[in-house]
Protein backbone atom coordinates (compact mmCIF):
# COMPACT_ATOMS: atom_id res chain seq x y z
CA UNK A 1 14.50 -58.39 -36.35
CA UNK A 2 10.93 -58.81 -37.13
CA UNK A 3 9.96 -58.61 -40.67
CA UNK A 4 6.70 -56.56 -40.85
CA UNK A 5 3.58 -57.99 -42.90
CA UNK A 6 2.66 -57.31 -46.05
CA UNK A 7 -0.98 -56.56 -46.51
CA UNK A 8 -2.02 -57.82 -50.04
CA UNK A 9 -5.52 -56.50 -51.43
CA UNK A 10 -6.76 -59.14 -53.95
CA UNK A 11 -10.51 -60.36 -54.57
CA UNK A 12 -8.87 -62.49 -57.64
CA UNK A 13 -7.93 -66.17 -56.18
CA UNK A 14 -5.93 -66.66 -59.61
CA UNK A 15 -3.99 -63.22 -59.09
CA UNK A 16 -3.22 -63.80 -54.97
CA UNK A 17 -1.96 -66.97 -55.91
CA UNK A 18 0.28 -65.62 -58.38
CA UNK A 19 1.34 -62.76 -56.21
CA UNK A 20 2.06 -64.81 -53.45
CA UNK A 21 4.36 -67.66 -55.32
CA UNK A 22 5.82 -64.40 -57.13
CA UNK A 23 6.73 -62.99 -53.79
CA UNK A 24 8.39 -66.55 -52.52
CA UNK A 25 10.26 -66.73 -55.28
CA UNK A 26 11.67 -63.52 -55.14
CA UNK A 27 12.62 -64.32 -51.46
CA UNK A 28 10.50 -62.14 -49.79
CA UNK A 29 9.86 -63.94 -45.98
CA UNK A 30 7.55 -61.42 -44.92
CA UNK A 31 4.44 -62.40 -43.35
CA UNK A 32 1.60 -61.74 -46.20
CA UNK A 33 -2.03 -61.25 -45.09
CA UNK A 34 -5.09 -60.67 -47.56
CA UNK A 35 -8.00 -58.89 -47.38
CA UNK A 36 -10.25 -59.67 -50.29
CA UNK A 37 -12.34 -56.59 -50.46
CA UNK A 38 -11.66 -52.78 -49.64
CA UNK A 39 -13.38 -53.18 -46.47
CA UNK A 40 -11.33 -55.60 -44.88
CA UNK A 41 -8.32 -54.09 -45.95
CA UNK A 42 -9.51 -51.01 -44.36
CA UNK A 43 -10.54 -53.17 -41.27
CA UNK A 44 -6.87 -54.54 -41.09
CA UNK A 45 -5.10 -51.25 -41.50
CA UNK A 46 -7.06 -49.24 -39.10
CA UNK A 47 -6.61 -52.04 -36.33
CA UNK A 48 -2.71 -53.32 -37.61
CA UNK A 49 0.07 -52.76 -34.48
CA UNK A 50 2.58 -51.95 -36.40
CA UNK A 51 1.42 -50.96 -39.74
CA UNK A 52 2.29 -53.34 -42.66
CA UNK A 53 5.90 -52.07 -44.04
CA UNK A 54 3.19 -51.72 -47.42
CA UNK A 55 0.18 -52.51 -48.92
CA UNK A 56 0.18 -53.63 -52.45
CA UNK A 57 -3.67 -52.58 -53.40
CA UNK A 58 -5.78 -54.03 -56.33
CA UNK A 59 -8.63 -51.32 -57.61
CA UNK A 60 -11.01 -53.30 -58.96
CA UNK A 61 -12.63 -54.49 -55.81
CA UNK A 62 -15.95 -55.38 -54.10
CA UNK A 63 -17.53 -53.30 -51.18
CA UNK A 64 -14.86 -50.22 -51.20
CA UNK A 65 -13.25 -49.90 -54.47
CA UNK A 66 -9.49 -49.51 -54.24
CA UNK A 67 -8.98 -45.83 -55.01
CA UNK A 68 -11.47 -45.28 -51.96
CA UNK A 69 -9.44 -47.27 -50.20
CA UNK A 70 -6.49 -45.29 -50.71
CA UNK A 71 -8.19 -42.17 -50.48
CA UNK A 72 -9.32 -43.29 -46.35
CA UNK A 73 -5.79 -44.41 -45.96
CA UNK A 74 -4.10 -41.27 -46.67
CA UNK A 75 -6.97 -39.30 -44.57
CA UNK A 76 -5.97 -40.99 -41.47
CA UNK A 77 -3.32 -39.52 -39.65
CA UNK A 78 -1.89 -43.09 -38.35
CA UNK A 79 -1.50 -44.45 -41.91
CA UNK A 80 -1.21 -41.46 -44.33
CA UNK A 81 2.29 -42.16 -44.44
CA UNK A 82 2.13 -45.85 -45.38
CA UNK A 83 3.42 -47.14 -48.44
CA UNK A 84 0.94 -47.98 -50.70
CA UNK A 85 1.86 -49.54 -54.57
CA UNK A 86 -1.46 -49.85 -56.30
CA UNK A 87 -0.79 -53.61 -58.31
CA UNK A 88 -3.90 -53.28 -60.79
CA UNK A 89 -4.87 -54.81 -64.12
CA UNK A 90 -5.81 -51.34 -64.94
CA UNK A 91 -3.68 -49.26 -67.37
CA UNK A 92 -6.76 -46.74 -68.05
CA UNK A 93 -4.96 -43.02 -67.47
CA UNK A 94 -7.77 -41.75 -65.28
CA UNK A 95 -7.01 -44.63 -62.43
CA UNK A 96 -3.39 -43.77 -62.78
CA UNK A 97 -3.97 -40.26 -62.14
CA UNK A 98 -6.25 -40.82 -59.72
CA UNK A 99 -4.21 -43.19 -57.69
CA UNK A 100 -1.25 -40.81 -57.78
CA UNK A 101 -3.40 -37.71 -56.82
CA UNK A 102 -4.65 -39.63 -54.00
CA UNK A 103 -0.95 -40.26 -53.03
CA UNK A 104 -0.09 -43.85 -54.20
CA UNK A 105 3.55 -44.55 -53.82
CA UNK A 106 3.66 -46.09 -56.96
CA UNK A 107 1.43 -47.63 -59.92
CA UNK A 108 2.10 -51.01 -61.24
CA UNK A 109 0.22 -53.07 -64.16
CA UNK A 110 0.08 -56.28 -63.51
CA UNK A 111 1.66 -58.14 -66.78
CA UNK A 112 -0.28 -60.59 -68.87
CA UNK A 113 2.50 -62.72 -69.20
CA UNK A 114 3.37 -65.23 -66.18
CA UNK A 115 7.40 -64.92 -66.14
CA UNK A 116 6.57 -60.95 -65.96
CA UNK A 117 4.23 -60.72 -63.31
CA UNK A 118 6.31 -62.95 -61.26
CA UNK A 119 9.65 -60.61 -61.95
CA UNK A 120 7.36 -57.37 -61.04
CA UNK A 121 6.14 -58.52 -57.70
CA UNK A 122 9.29 -59.73 -56.59
CA UNK A 123 10.86 -56.72 -57.41
CA UNK A 124 8.09 -54.93 -55.62
CA UNK A 125 8.37 -57.41 -52.78
CA UNK A 126 11.90 -57.13 -52.60
CA UNK A 127 12.21 -53.32 -52.47
CA UNK A 128 9.37 -52.50 -50.28
CA UNK A 129 9.66 -55.57 -47.28
CA UNK A 130 13.86 -55.14 -47.77
CA UNK A 131 15.13 -52.24 -49.28
CA UNK A 132 13.19 -49.62 -48.52
CA UNK A 133 13.41 -47.65 -45.28
CA UNK A 134 10.44 -47.32 -43.09
CA UNK A 135 9.51 -44.63 -40.68
CA UNK A 136 10.72 -45.86 -37.20
CA UNK A 137 8.11 -47.53 -34.82
CA UNK A 138 5.92 -45.00 -33.73
CA UNK A 139 6.62 -42.13 -35.86
CA UNK A 140 2.80 -42.87 -37.47
CA UNK A 141 1.19 -42.45 -34.71
CA UNK A 142 -0.89 -39.41 -34.04
């Protein structure tokens, strides 16, 4: 069985390193693809075949912000059911409400302490990459 990749959309190099380390610590062996801005994330998603098993999406991104990335993913017939987990430092109510309104599958605030961050990301990776049952191949094509 081939594991589908995880798309991590993160512009902060420190958060990227911590997230990758946490996923590996959690024994997530899926390939991790990195997008460092919203424009790059959309290019990757719309050209992916197969789609990633999950997108871990930061909100504060250059070029196109995370909420617009989420909006465009949900507006596209092929990607509208792609699991998207908002993984951000924002605890603003409007970001949480808007993320869920746009169809985020989950909203996770990045914990400040390293151990809590590692545990949260590890659990996210295990759930979305190994436990969650994705749509069968081809079911997300228009």
